[in-house]
Every structure is written in C-alpha cells, then in structure tokens.
Amino acid sequence: MFKTFKILSLAVVFQFLYLFTPAQATPTLERVLLQLTAQERAALQDNQIAVVGQTREYRGRFLVKASAEEAWEVLTDYQNYPNFLPDVVSIQIQETDGNKTVFEQVQRTSVLIFNRETSLTIAVAETPFTKINFSLVEGGVSELQGTWEVTPIIIGDESTPSQVLVTHTVTVTPDTGVPENIFYSIYRDSLRNSLEAMKTEIENRATAR
C-alpha cells in the first residue's frame, strides 16, 4: 500500500511540474544573435534585413517591434499580399481547410531588359503564431518550398517580449530554360525587397493600434 501511495504521489508531483513549467523559455536577443552568422548579426543589430544564400537555398531574417500575433496577421494575410508586396500582382484563394490554404499567386519581375510574369499555385500549412510551411503545387518554377517562423524576443531586462524575429527559409529552382545566373541574381534582390515590405507592413499595423 505504501508503494502504491508513493507512486501516486510522484505522479501528482510530475503532473504539477508539467502544468506550471513553461515548455520553452522566450529567448533573449543576445542569445539569438549568438546563434547567427556574423553577417546576420550585423544586419539585425542595424535593424536591417539579413539575407544569406546565393543559389537555390536562401534564409532571410528581420526584427520588428510587434507581437507574434501582429506579425502573424500580416504573414497570413494572403489575400492582401498585392497591397504591400512589391512583386505580387494578384492572389486568388483556391481552397481553405482548417490550417491549410491553397492560393494562386501571380507576380511580375521587371529588371532592365528582364520582364517576366509568373503564376504559382502554393499550398501553406499553418502552426498558429509560430510557423508556416509552404510548397509549390504547380507554376513557373521547378521547385519552391520553405517556411516562415515567428519568434518572440526579449530585449535587455524586459520581462515580456517587445519584438519578434521573423525568419524565412526557401529552396527555389528555376524552370527549365531560364538562365540560373540571371534567375538567382534577380530572386535574391526580389526576396530582400519582399522582406523589407513585410517588415514595414507589420510595423505599420502594430503602430496603428
């Protein structure tokens, strides 16, 4: 009987610890920066967009003064992408099922003599306020997949987060017949411009509240 009581007591203790221990502590800015490349650290410390990668695989990051909910609202506002993302011409939502959405995105890229309009059908799966996985269903590139992640950040001696780190990873391969050197040069610039626009939109909405 004593043995049974002891086992039950331990079970109660473990349950209590599980309920009242945070699953993951909110990271500080200092801790996050230590995990990044020197290039990324320098950009984020200057409140700039950080983009690394040259061909096929890219990672972009930015810090923004907003809550995770405010950043999430912009990232998932697919229907309004044409209103604040520079290369997006139109969005057509094709399917919505719980945390999954499929939409057609038409984007136009114009750089010097290079002028191209591309239609992409993209499927996204959301983990609310934390992560978005996206992948190509069909369209004008051979491969497109990646993530958006939102991480609340504590600055200095704050007790609660005042900024979020938005991280975008993407793997992309051009369609057959498109010169890779031209495609990747343009894509990197386009990615940076899109991240700048996303950051600005989050800041504008957060400030307006």
N, C-alpha and C. Protein backbone atom coordinates (compact mmCIF):
# COMPACT_ATOMS: atom_id res chain seq x y z
N MET A 1 0.84 -1.20 0.00
CA MET A 1 0.00 0.00 0.00
C MET A 1 0.88 1.26 0.00
N PHE A 2 1.96 1.22 0.81
CA PHE A 2 2.87 2.36 0.86
C PHE A 2 3.50 2.60 -0.50
N LYS A 3 3.85 1.52 -1.19
CA LYS A 3 4.47 1.63 -2.51
C LYS A 3 3.51 2.27 -3.50
N THR A 4 2.25 1.88 -3.42
CA THR A 4 1.24 2.44 -4.32
C THR A 4 1.06 3.93 -4.06
N PHE A 5 1.02 4.29 -2.78
CA PHE A 5 0.87 5.69 -2.40
C PHE A 5 2.05 6.52 -2.90
N LYS A 6 3.25 5.95 -2.78
CA LYS A 6 4.45 6.65 -3.22
C LYS A 6 4.42 6.90 -4.74
N ILE A 7 3.98 5.91 -5.49
CA ILE A 7 3.89 6.06 -6.95
C ILE A 7 2.88 7.13 -7.32
N LEU A 8 1.73 7.12 -6.62
CA LEU A 8 0.71 8.13 -6.90
C LEU A 8 1.21 9.53 -6.56
N SER A 9 1.95 9.65 -5.46
CA SER A 9 2.48 10.95 -5.05
C SER A 9 3.45 11.49 -6.09
N LEU A 10 4.32 10.62 -6.62
CA LEU A 10 5.26 11.04 -7.65
C LEU A 10 4.53 11.47 -8.92
N ALA A 11 3.46 10.76 -9.24
CA ALA A 11 2.68 11.12 -10.43
C ALA A 11 2.08 12.51 -10.29
N VAL A 12 1.58 12.83 -9.09
CA VAL A 12 1.00 14.15 -8.84
C VAL A 12 2.05 15.23 -8.96
N VAL A 13 3.25 14.97 -8.42
CA VAL A 13 4.34 15.94 -8.48
C VAL A 13 4.74 16.22 -9.93
N PHE A 14 4.90 15.15 -10.73
CA PHE A 14 5.30 15.33 -12.12
C PHE A 14 4.24 16.08 -12.91
N GLN A 15 2.97 15.80 -12.62
CA GLN A 15 1.88 16.49 -13.31
C GLN A 15 1.90 17.98 -12.97
N PHE A 16 2.16 18.28 -11.69
CA PHE A 16 2.22 19.68 -11.25
C PHE A 16 3.35 20.41 -11.97
N LEU A 17 4.52 19.77 -12.04
CA LEU A 17 5.66 20.38 -12.70
C LEU A 17 5.38 20.61 -14.18
N TYR A 18 4.69 19.66 -14.81
CA TYR A 18 4.37 19.78 -16.24
C TYR A 18 3.45 20.97 -16.50
N LEU A 19 2.48 21.14 -15.61
CA LEU A 19 1.48 22.20 -15.80
C LEU A 19 2.06 23.58 -15.56
N PHE A 20 3.02 23.71 -14.66
CA PHE A 20 3.47 25.03 -14.26
C PHE A 20 4.90 25.37 -14.70
N THR A 21 5.49 24.52 -15.52
CA THR A 21 6.80 24.80 -16.09
C THR A 21 6.63 25.18 -17.55
N PRO A 22 7.14 26.34 -17.99
CA PRO A 22 7.00 26.73 -19.40
C PRO A 22 7.65 25.71 -20.31
N ALA A 23 7.00 25.45 -21.46
CA ALA A 23 7.54 24.47 -22.39
C ALA A 23 8.85 24.97 -22.99
N GLN A 24 8.98 26.26 -23.21
CA GLN A 24 10.19 26.81 -23.79
C GLN A 24 10.31 28.27 -23.39
N ALA A 25 11.44 28.62 -22.78
CA ALA A 25 11.64 29.99 -22.34
C ALA A 25 11.77 30.90 -23.56
N THR A 26 11.23 32.12 -23.44
CA THR A 26 11.36 33.09 -24.52
C THR A 26 12.81 33.52 -24.63
N PRO A 27 13.42 33.41 -25.82
CA PRO A 27 14.84 33.75 -25.94
C PRO A 27 15.10 35.25 -25.86
N THR A 28 16.28 35.61 -25.40
CA THR A 28 16.72 37.00 -25.41
C THR A 28 17.38 37.29 -26.76
N LEU A 29 17.47 38.57 -27.08
CA LEU A 29 18.11 38.96 -28.34
C LEU A 29 19.57 38.51 -28.35
N GLU A 30 20.24 38.66 -27.22
CA GLU A 30 21.66 38.27 -27.15
C GLU A 30 21.84 36.80 -27.47
N ARG A 31 20.96 35.96 -26.93
CA ARG A 31 21.08 34.52 -27.17
C ARG A 31 20.81 34.18 -28.63
N VAL A 32 19.84 34.86 -29.23
CA VAL A 32 19.52 34.61 -30.64
C VAL A 32 20.68 35.02 -31.54
N LEU A 33 21.25 36.19 -31.28
CA LEU A 33 22.33 36.69 -32.12
C LEU A 33 23.55 35.77 -32.09
N LEU A 34 23.81 35.15 -30.96
CA LEU A 34 24.95 34.25 -30.84
C LEU A 34 24.83 33.04 -31.77
N GLN A 35 23.60 32.70 -32.15
CA GLN A 35 23.37 31.52 -32.98
C GLN A 35 23.43 31.84 -34.47
N LEU A 36 23.61 33.11 -34.82
CA LEU A 36 23.57 33.53 -36.22
C LEU A 36 24.97 33.76 -36.79
N THR A 37 25.02 33.92 -38.10
CA THR A 37 26.29 34.25 -38.75
C THR A 37 26.63 35.71 -38.46
N ALA A 38 27.90 36.06 -38.65
CA ALA A 38 28.34 37.43 -38.42
C ALA A 38 27.58 38.41 -39.32
N GLN A 39 27.31 37.99 -40.56
CA GLN A 39 26.56 38.83 -41.49
C GLN A 39 25.15 39.10 -41.00
N GLU A 40 24.50 38.05 -40.50
CA GLU A 40 23.13 38.21 -39.99
C GLU A 40 23.12 39.07 -38.73
N ARG A 41 24.07 38.84 -37.84
CA ARG A 41 24.13 39.63 -36.60
C ARG A 41 24.28 41.11 -36.91
N ALA A 42 25.19 41.44 -37.81
CA ALA A 42 25.43 42.84 -38.15
C ALA A 42 24.18 43.50 -38.72
N ALA A 43 23.49 42.79 -39.60
CA ALA A 43 22.28 43.34 -40.23
C ALA A 43 21.17 43.57 -39.19
N LEU A 44 20.93 42.59 -38.35
CA LEU A 44 19.85 42.72 -37.37
C LEU A 44 20.15 43.78 -36.32
N GLN A 45 21.41 43.91 -35.94
CA GLN A 45 21.78 44.94 -34.96
C GLN A 45 21.60 46.33 -35.53
N ASP A 46 21.66 46.46 -36.86
CA ASP A 46 21.41 47.75 -37.52
C ASP A 46 19.96 47.90 -37.96
N ASN A 47 19.10 46.98 -37.51
CA ASN A 47 17.68 46.99 -37.86
C ASN A 47 17.47 46.85 -39.37
N GLN A 48 18.33 46.04 -40.01
CA GLN A 48 18.25 45.80 -41.44
C GLN A 48 17.77 44.38 -41.72
N ILE A 49 17.46 44.14 -42.97
CA ILE A 49 17.11 42.79 -43.42
C ILE A 49 18.38 41.97 -43.59
N ALA A 50 18.39 40.76 -43.07
CA ALA A 50 19.53 39.85 -43.25
C ALA A 50 19.14 38.77 -44.25
N VAL A 51 19.91 38.64 -45.32
CA VAL A 51 19.67 37.60 -46.32
C VAL A 51 20.98 36.87 -46.59
N VAL A 52 20.97 35.55 -46.45
CA VAL A 52 22.14 34.75 -46.78
C VAL A 52 21.73 33.69 -47.79
N GLY A 53 22.71 33.28 -48.62
CA GLY A 53 22.43 32.32 -49.68
C GLY A 53 22.67 32.94 -51.04
N GLN A 54 23.11 32.14 -51.99
CA GLN A 54 23.42 32.63 -53.32
C GLN A 54 22.63 31.90 -54.41
N THR A 55 22.52 30.60 -54.31
CA THR A 55 21.78 29.82 -55.31
C THR A 55 20.95 28.75 -54.62
N ARG A 56 19.72 28.68 -55.01
CA ARG A 56 18.77 27.64 -54.60
C ARG A 56 18.26 27.78 -53.17
N GLU A 57 19.14 27.91 -52.18
CA GLU A 57 18.69 27.97 -50.79
C GLU A 57 19.02 29.33 -50.18
N TYR A 58 17.99 29.95 -49.60
CA TYR A 58 18.14 31.28 -49.01
C TYR A 58 17.51 31.31 -47.62
N ARG A 59 18.05 32.20 -46.79
CA ARG A 59 17.44 32.45 -45.49
C ARG A 59 17.42 33.96 -45.24
N GLY A 60 16.23 34.46 -44.91
CA GLY A 60 16.08 35.88 -44.62
C GLY A 60 15.53 36.07 -43.22
N ARG A 61 15.99 37.13 -42.54
CA ARG A 61 15.52 37.41 -41.18
C ARG A 61 15.34 38.91 -41.00
N PHE A 62 14.40 39.26 -40.12
CA PHE A 62 14.31 40.64 -39.67
C PHE A 62 13.67 40.70 -38.29
N LEU A 63 14.06 41.72 -37.54
CA LEU A 63 13.45 42.00 -36.24
C LEU A 63 12.44 43.11 -36.42
N VAL A 64 11.33 43.01 -35.71
CA VAL A 64 10.30 44.03 -35.84
C VAL A 64 9.64 44.25 -34.49
N LYS A 65 9.34 45.51 -34.18
CA LYS A 65 8.68 45.84 -32.92
C LYS A 65 7.19 45.56 -33.06
N ALA A 66 6.80 44.38 -32.67
CA ALA A 66 5.42 43.94 -32.78
C ALA A 66 5.27 42.67 -31.95
N SER A 67 4.04 42.26 -31.76
CA SER A 67 3.78 41.00 -31.08
C SER A 67 3.75 39.87 -32.11
N ALA A 68 3.82 38.65 -31.62
CA ALA A 68 3.74 37.50 -32.51
C ALA A 68 2.41 37.49 -33.26
N GLU A 69 1.35 37.92 -32.57
CA GLU A 69 0.02 37.95 -33.19
C GLU A 69 -0.04 38.97 -34.32
N GLU A 70 0.61 40.13 -34.12
CA GLU A 70 0.59 41.17 -35.15
C GLU A 70 1.41 40.75 -36.37
N ALA A 71 2.55 40.11 -36.12
CA ALA A 71 3.35 39.61 -37.25
C ALA A 71 2.60 38.51 -37.99
N TRP A 72 1.97 37.63 -37.25
CA TRP A 72 1.23 36.52 -37.84
C TRP A 72 0.08 37.02 -38.71
N GLU A 73 -0.58 38.05 -38.26
CA GLU A 73 -1.70 38.61 -39.02
C GLU A 73 -1.27 39.04 -40.41
N VAL A 74 -0.08 39.63 -40.52
CA VAL A 74 0.42 40.08 -41.82
C VAL A 74 0.90 38.90 -42.67
N LEU A 75 1.64 38.00 -42.06
CA LEU A 75 2.17 36.85 -42.81
C LEU A 75 1.07 36.01 -43.43
N THR A 76 -0.06 35.91 -42.75
CA THR A 76 -1.16 35.06 -43.22
C THR A 76 -2.25 35.84 -43.95
N ASP A 77 -2.00 37.11 -44.21
CA ASP A 77 -2.98 37.93 -44.91
C ASP A 77 -2.78 37.78 -46.42
N TYR A 78 -2.88 36.54 -46.89
CA TYR A 78 -2.55 36.22 -48.29
C TYR A 78 -3.34 37.06 -49.29
N GLN A 79 -4.61 37.24 -49.00
CA GLN A 79 -5.49 37.96 -49.93
C GLN A 79 -4.99 39.38 -50.20
N ASN A 80 -4.32 39.98 -49.20
CA ASN A 80 -3.87 41.36 -49.35
C ASN A 80 -2.39 41.50 -49.71
N TYR A 81 -1.73 40.40 -50.03
CA TYR A 81 -0.33 40.47 -50.45
C TYR A 81 -0.11 41.50 -51.56
N PRO A 82 -0.99 41.58 -52.57
CA PRO A 82 -0.75 42.56 -53.64
C PRO A 82 -0.71 44.00 -53.15
N ASN A 83 -1.30 44.27 -51.98
CA ASN A 83 -1.35 45.63 -51.45
C ASN A 83 -0.05 46.07 -50.80
N PHE A 84 0.81 45.12 -50.42
CA PHE A 84 2.05 45.54 -49.77
C PHE A 84 3.32 44.80 -50.22
N LEU A 85 3.19 43.74 -50.99
CA LEU A 85 4.38 43.07 -51.52
C LEU A 85 4.64 43.56 -52.95
N PRO A 86 5.83 44.05 -53.22
CA PRO A 86 6.09 44.78 -54.47
C PRO A 86 5.92 43.99 -55.76
N ASP A 87 6.23 42.69 -55.75
CA ASP A 87 6.19 41.91 -57.00
C ASP A 87 4.89 41.15 -57.20
N VAL A 88 4.02 41.16 -56.20
CA VAL A 88 2.79 40.36 -56.29
C VAL A 88 1.69 41.17 -56.96
N VAL A 89 1.19 40.63 -58.07
CA VAL A 89 0.16 41.31 -58.85
C VAL A 89 -1.24 40.94 -58.36
N SER A 90 -1.45 39.64 -58.08
CA SER A 90 -2.77 39.20 -57.63
C SER A 90 -2.67 37.90 -56.84
N ILE A 91 -3.68 37.67 -56.02
CA ILE A 91 -3.81 36.44 -55.24
C ILE A 91 -5.23 35.93 -55.40
N GLN A 92 -5.36 34.66 -55.66
CA GLN A 92 -6.67 34.02 -55.75
C GLN A 92 -6.69 32.82 -54.81
N ILE A 93 -7.48 32.92 -53.75
CA ILE A 93 -7.59 31.80 -52.81
C ILE A 93 -8.39 30.69 -53.49
N GLN A 94 -7.81 29.50 -53.55
CA GLN A 94 -8.46 28.38 -54.21
C GLN A 94 -9.11 27.41 -53.23
N GLU A 95 -8.51 27.29 -52.05
CA GLU A 95 -9.02 26.30 -51.09
C GLU A 95 -8.58 26.66 -49.69
N THR A 96 -9.48 26.51 -48.73
CA THR A 96 -9.16 26.69 -47.32
C THR A 96 -9.76 25.55 -46.53
N ASP A 97 -8.92 24.89 -45.74
CA ASP A 97 -9.37 23.75 -44.95
C ASP A 97 -8.62 23.74 -43.63
N GLY A 98 -9.25 24.31 -42.59
CA GLY A 98 -8.59 24.39 -41.28
C GLY A 98 -7.34 25.25 -41.35
N ASN A 99 -6.20 24.66 -41.04
CA ASN A 99 -4.95 25.40 -41.04
C ASN A 99 -4.24 25.34 -42.39
N LYS A 100 -4.93 24.84 -43.41
CA LYS A 100 -4.31 24.70 -44.73
C LYS A 100 -5.02 25.60 -45.74
N THR A 101 -4.21 26.23 -46.59
CA THR A 101 -4.74 27.12 -47.62
C THR A 101 -3.96 26.90 -48.91
N VAL A 102 -4.67 26.94 -50.02
CA VAL A 102 -4.04 26.87 -51.34
C VAL A 102 -4.44 28.13 -52.10
N PHE A 103 -3.44 28.84 -52.65
CA PHE A 103 -3.77 30.04 -53.42
C PHE A 103 -2.87 30.16 -54.64
N GLU A 104 -3.40 30.86 -55.65
CA GLU A 104 -2.62 31.16 -56.85
C GLU A 104 -2.06 32.57 -56.71
N GLN A 105 -0.77 32.69 -56.89
CA GLN A 105 -0.09 33.98 -56.78
C GLN A 105 0.54 34.34 -58.12
N VAL A 106 0.17 35.49 -58.64
CA VAL A 106 0.77 35.99 -59.87
C VAL A 106 1.73 37.11 -59.49
N GLN A 107 2.97 36.99 -59.94
CA GLN A 107 3.95 38.02 -59.63
C GLN A 107 4.68 38.46 -60.89
N ARG A 108 5.08 39.72 -60.89
CA ARG A 108 5.75 40.29 -62.05
C ARG A 108 7.13 40.80 -61.64
N THR A 109 8.14 40.40 -62.38
CA THR A 109 9.51 40.82 -62.12
C THR A 109 10.02 41.62 -63.32
N SER A 110 10.47 42.85 -63.06
CA SER A 110 11.00 43.70 -64.13
C SER A 110 12.34 44.27 -63.70
N VAL A 111 13.41 43.83 -64.34
CA VAL A 111 14.75 44.34 -64.07
C VAL A 111 15.45 44.57 -65.40
N LEU A 112 15.71 45.84 -65.74
CA LEU A 112 16.33 46.19 -67.02
C LEU A 112 15.55 45.56 -68.17
N ILE A 113 16.19 44.67 -68.94
CA ILE A 113 15.50 44.07 -70.09
C ILE A 113 14.74 42.80 -69.70
N PHE A 114 14.91 42.38 -68.44
CA PHE A 114 14.23 41.16 -67.99
C PHE A 114 12.85 41.53 -67.47
N ASN A 115 11.84 40.98 -68.09
CA ASN A 115 10.46 41.27 -67.70
C ASN A 115 9.66 39.98 -67.78
N ARG A 116 9.19 39.51 -66.63
CA ARG A 116 8.50 38.23 -66.64
C ARG A 116 7.37 38.21 -65.62
N GLU A 117 6.25 37.62 -66.03
CA GLU A 117 5.12 37.42 -65.13
C GLU A 117 4.97 35.92 -64.89
N THR A 118 4.87 35.53 -63.63
CA THR A 118 4.84 34.12 -63.26
C THR A 118 3.62 33.83 -62.40
N SER A 119 2.97 32.70 -62.67
CA SER A 119 1.84 32.25 -61.87
C SER A 119 2.27 31.03 -61.07
N LEU A 120 2.06 31.08 -59.76
CA LEU A 120 2.44 29.99 -58.87
C LEU A 120 1.23 29.59 -58.03
N THR A 121 0.97 28.31 -57.95
CA THR A 121 -0.05 27.81 -57.02
C THR A 121 0.69 27.25 -55.81
N ILE A 122 0.39 27.80 -54.65
CA ILE A 122 1.15 27.50 -53.43
C ILE A 122 0.22 26.95 -52.36
N ALA A 123 0.68 25.90 -51.68
CA ALA A 123 -0.06 25.32 -50.55
C ALA A 123 0.67 25.69 -49.27
N VAL A 124 -0.08 26.17 -48.26
CA VAL A 124 0.52 26.51 -46.98
C VAL A 124 -0.17 25.73 -45.86
N ALA A 125 0.61 25.40 -44.84
CA ALA A 125 0.09 24.75 -43.63
C ALA A 125 0.58 25.55 -42.44
N GLU A 126 -0.35 26.00 -41.59
CA GLU A 126 -0.02 26.90 -40.51
C GLU A 126 0.01 26.21 -39.15
N THR A 127 1.01 26.56 -38.35
CA THR A 127 1.02 26.28 -36.92
C THR A 127 0.84 27.64 -36.26
N PRO A 128 -0.37 27.97 -35.78
CA PRO A 128 -0.73 29.34 -35.41
C PRO A 128 0.31 30.08 -34.57
N PHE A 129 0.63 31.29 -35.04
CA PHE A 129 1.51 32.25 -34.38
C PHE A 129 2.95 31.78 -34.28
N THR A 130 3.28 30.68 -34.93
CA THR A 130 4.63 30.11 -34.81
C THR A 130 5.30 29.86 -36.15
N LYS A 131 4.63 29.09 -37.03
CA LYS A 131 5.31 28.64 -38.25
C LYS A 131 4.32 28.43 -39.39
N ILE A 132 4.78 28.74 -40.60
CA ILE A 132 4.04 28.46 -41.83
C ILE A 132 4.95 27.66 -42.75
N ASN A 133 4.49 26.50 -43.17
CA ASN A 133 5.19 25.71 -44.19
C ASN A 133 4.51 25.96 -45.53
N PHE A 134 5.28 26.20 -46.57
CA PHE A 134 4.69 26.40 -47.89
C PHE A 134 5.42 25.54 -48.92
N SER A 135 4.69 25.16 -49.96
CA SER A 135 5.27 24.35 -51.02
C SER A 135 4.54 24.61 -52.33
N LEU A 136 5.24 24.38 -53.43
CA LEU A 136 4.68 24.61 -54.75
C LEU A 136 3.74 23.46 -55.14
N VAL A 137 2.57 23.81 -55.63
CA VAL A 137 1.65 22.83 -56.21
C VAL A 137 1.93 22.75 -57.71
N GLU A 138 1.97 23.90 -58.36
CA GLU A 138 2.34 23.99 -59.77
C GLU A 138 2.65 25.44 -60.10
N GLY A 139 3.36 25.64 -61.20
CA GLY A 139 3.64 27.01 -61.61
C GLY A 139 4.94 27.16 -62.36
N GLY A 140 5.42 28.42 -62.43
CA GLY A 140 6.50 28.77 -63.31
C GLY A 140 7.90 28.55 -62.80
N VAL A 141 8.08 27.74 -61.76
CA VAL A 141 9.41 27.33 -61.31
C VAL A 141 9.39 25.82 -61.13
N SER A 142 10.58 25.23 -61.10
CA SER A 142 10.65 23.77 -60.94
C SER A 142 10.47 23.35 -59.50
N GLU A 143 10.90 24.21 -58.57
CA GLU A 143 10.85 23.86 -57.15
C GLU A 143 10.67 25.12 -56.31
N LEU A 144 9.84 25.02 -55.29
CA LEU A 144 9.66 26.11 -54.35
C LEU A 144 9.08 25.54 -53.06
N GLN A 145 9.81 25.67 -51.98
CA GLN A 145 9.32 25.22 -50.68
C GLN A 145 10.09 25.93 -49.58
N GLY A 146 9.45 26.06 -48.43
CA GLY A 146 10.15 26.74 -47.34
C GLY A 146 9.24 27.00 -46.16
N THR A 147 9.66 27.94 -45.31
CA THR A 147 8.93 28.23 -44.08
C THR A 147 8.99 29.72 -43.74
N TRP A 148 8.01 30.14 -42.96
CA TRP A 148 8.05 31.40 -42.22
C TRP A 148 7.98 31.02 -40.74
N GLU A 149 8.83 31.62 -39.91
CA GLU A 149 8.79 31.35 -38.48
C GLU A 149 8.76 32.66 -37.71
N VAL A 150 7.99 32.67 -36.63
CA VAL A 150 7.85 33.85 -35.78
C VAL A 150 8.34 33.51 -34.38
N THR A 151 9.33 34.27 -33.90
CA THR A 151 9.92 34.01 -32.58
C THR A 151 9.87 35.27 -31.73
N PRO A 152 9.07 35.30 -30.64
CA PRO A 152 9.08 36.46 -29.74
C PRO A 152 10.46 36.60 -29.10
N ILE A 153 10.90 37.85 -28.93
CA ILE A 153 12.24 38.12 -28.43
C ILE A 153 12.18 39.08 -27.23
N ILE A 154 12.94 38.78 -26.19
CA ILE A 154 13.08 39.67 -25.05
C ILE A 154 14.33 40.53 -25.24
N ILE A 155 14.18 41.83 -25.06
CA ILE A 155 15.28 42.76 -25.22
C ILE A 155 15.76 43.23 -23.85
N GLY A 156 17.06 43.10 -23.60
CA GLY A 156 17.64 43.60 -22.34
C GLY A 156 17.01 42.98 -21.12
N ASP A 157 16.53 43.84 -20.20
CA ASP A 157 15.97 43.39 -18.92
C ASP A 157 14.45 43.28 -18.94
N GLU A 158 13.87 43.27 -20.12
CA GLU A 158 12.41 43.19 -20.21
C GLU A 158 11.90 41.89 -19.58
N SER A 159 10.68 41.95 -19.09
CA SER A 159 10.06 40.74 -18.54
C SER A 159 9.16 40.05 -19.56
N THR A 160 8.76 40.80 -20.59
CA THR A 160 7.93 40.23 -21.65
C THR A 160 8.49 40.64 -23.01
N PRO A 161 8.24 39.87 -24.07
CA PRO A 161 8.78 40.18 -25.39
C PRO A 161 8.23 41.49 -25.94
N SER A 162 9.09 42.28 -26.59
CA SER A 162 8.65 43.52 -27.24
C SER A 162 8.92 43.50 -28.73
N GLN A 163 9.63 42.47 -29.21
CA GLN A 163 9.92 42.34 -30.63
C GLN A 163 9.74 40.88 -31.04
N VAL A 164 9.67 40.68 -32.34
CA VAL A 164 9.67 39.31 -32.86
C VAL A 164 10.74 39.20 -33.94
N LEU A 165 11.32 38.03 -34.02
CA LEU A 165 12.24 37.70 -35.11
C LEU A 165 11.46 36.89 -36.13
N VAL A 166 11.40 37.40 -37.35
CA VAL A 166 10.74 36.67 -38.44
C VAL A 166 11.83 36.05 -39.30
N THR A 167 11.75 34.74 -39.47
CA THR A 167 12.74 34.00 -40.26
C THR A 167 12.06 33.34 -41.44
N HIS A 168 12.62 33.56 -42.62
CA HIS A 168 12.08 33.00 -43.86
C HIS A 168 13.15 32.12 -44.50
N THR A 169 12.83 30.86 -44.72
CA THR A 169 13.74 29.98 -45.44
C THR A 169 13.05 29.51 -46.71
N VAL A 170 13.82 29.38 -47.79
CA VAL A 170 13.22 28.98 -49.06
C VAL A 170 14.25 28.23 -49.90
N THR A 171 13.75 27.20 -50.57
CA THR A 171 14.52 26.48 -51.58
C THR A 171 13.79 26.67 -52.90
N VAL A 172 14.49 27.18 -53.90
CA VAL A 172 13.84 27.50 -55.17
C VAL A 172 14.75 27.12 -56.32
N THR A 173 14.15 26.56 -57.37
CA THR A 173 14.88 26.18 -58.57
C THR A 173 14.11 26.71 -59.78
N PRO A 174 14.78 27.40 -60.70
CA PRO A 174 14.06 27.98 -61.84
C PRO A 174 13.54 26.91 -62.79
N ASP A 175 12.58 27.33 -63.61
CA ASP A 175 12.02 26.44 -64.60
C ASP A 175 13.07 26.15 -65.69
N THR A 176 12.86 25.06 -66.39
CA THR A 176 13.77 24.69 -67.48
C THR A 176 13.83 25.80 -68.54
N GLY A 177 15.04 26.13 -68.96
CA GLY A 177 15.21 27.15 -69.98
C GLY A 177 15.51 28.53 -69.44
N VAL A 178 15.33 28.75 -68.14
CA VAL A 178 15.63 30.05 -67.53
C VAL A 178 17.09 30.04 -67.06
N PRO A 179 17.91 30.99 -67.51
CA PRO A 179 19.32 31.03 -67.10
C PRO A 179 19.44 31.18 -65.57
N GLU A 180 20.14 30.24 -64.93
CA GLU A 180 20.20 30.24 -63.48
C GLU A 180 20.90 31.47 -62.92
N ASN A 181 21.96 31.93 -63.57
CA ASN A 181 22.69 33.09 -63.03
C ASN A 181 21.82 34.33 -62.99
N ILE A 182 21.02 34.52 -64.03
CA ILE A 182 20.10 35.67 -64.05
C ILE A 182 18.99 35.47 -63.04
N PHE A 183 18.40 34.26 -63.01
CA PHE A 183 17.28 33.98 -62.11
C PHE A 183 17.66 34.22 -60.67
N TYR A 184 18.79 33.66 -60.22
CA TYR A 184 19.15 33.75 -58.81
C TYR A 184 19.56 35.16 -58.40
N SER A 185 20.17 35.90 -59.31
CA SER A 185 20.53 37.28 -59.02
C SER A 185 19.28 38.13 -58.79
N ILE A 186 18.30 37.93 -59.67
CA ILE A 186 17.04 38.67 -59.54
C ILE A 186 16.25 38.19 -58.33
N TYR A 187 16.25 36.88 -58.09
CA TYR A 187 15.46 36.33 -56.99
C TYR A 187 15.94 36.86 -55.64
N ARG A 188 17.24 36.93 -55.46
CA ARG A 188 17.78 37.41 -54.18
C ARG A 188 17.35 38.85 -53.92
N ASP A 189 17.45 39.70 -54.94
CA ASP A 189 17.02 41.10 -54.78
C ASP A 189 15.52 41.18 -54.50
N SER A 190 14.74 40.36 -55.22
CA SER A 190 13.30 40.35 -55.02
C SER A 190 12.95 39.88 -53.61
N LEU A 191 13.67 38.87 -53.13
CA LEU A 191 13.43 38.37 -51.78
C LEU A 191 13.70 39.45 -50.74
N ARG A 192 14.80 40.16 -50.89
CA ARG A 192 15.12 41.23 -49.95
C ARG A 192 14.03 42.32 -49.96
N ASN A 193 13.58 42.70 -51.16
CA ASN A 193 12.53 43.72 -51.26
C ASN A 193 11.23 43.26 -50.61
N SER A 194 10.90 41.98 -50.78
CA SER A 194 9.67 41.44 -50.19
C SER A 194 9.76 41.41 -48.66
N LEU A 195 10.93 41.05 -48.13
CA LEU A 195 11.11 41.04 -46.68
C LEU A 195 11.04 42.45 -46.11
N GLU A 196 11.62 43.41 -46.83
CA GLU A 196 11.52 44.81 -46.40
C GLU A 196 10.06 45.25 -46.34
N ALA A 197 9.31 44.89 -47.37
CA ALA A 197 7.90 45.27 -47.43
C ALA A 197 7.10 44.59 -46.32
N MET A 198 7.41 43.33 -46.04
CA MET A 198 6.72 42.60 -44.98
C MET A 198 7.00 43.24 -43.62
N LYS A 199 8.25 43.58 -43.38
CA LYS A 199 8.65 44.23 -42.13
C LYS A 199 7.92 45.56 -41.96
N THR A 200 7.89 46.36 -43.02
CA THR A 200 7.22 47.66 -42.97
C THR A 200 5.74 47.51 -42.69
N GLU A 201 5.10 46.52 -43.33
CA GLU A 201 3.66 46.33 -43.12
C GLU A 201 3.36 45.91 -41.68
N ILE A 202 4.19 45.05 -41.12
CA ILE A 202 3.99 44.64 -39.72
C ILE A 202 4.15 45.84 -38.81
N GLU A 203 5.20 46.65 -39.03
CA GLU A 203 5.44 47.83 -38.21
C GLU A 203 4.27 48.81 -38.30
N ASN A 204 3.78 49.03 -39.52
CA ASN A 204 2.68 49.98 -39.72
C ASN A 204 1.41 49.53 -38.98
N ARG A 205 1.09 48.25 -39.08
CA ARG A 205 -0.12 47.76 -38.42
C ARG A 205 0.04 47.78 -36.89
N ALA A 206 1.24 47.44 -36.41
CA ALA A 206 1.47 47.44 -34.96
C ALA A 206 1.40 48.85 -34.40
N THR A 207 1.95 49.81 -35.14
CA THR A 207 1.95 51.20 -34.69
C THR A 207 0.55 51.80 -34.70
N ALA A 208 -0.27 51.37 -35.64
CA ALA A 208 -1.62 51.90 -35.78
C ALA A 208 -2.55 51.48 -34.66
N ARG A 209 -2.14 50.52 -33.85
CA ARG A 209 -3.04 50.01 -32.80
C ARG A 209 -2.85 50.75 -31.49
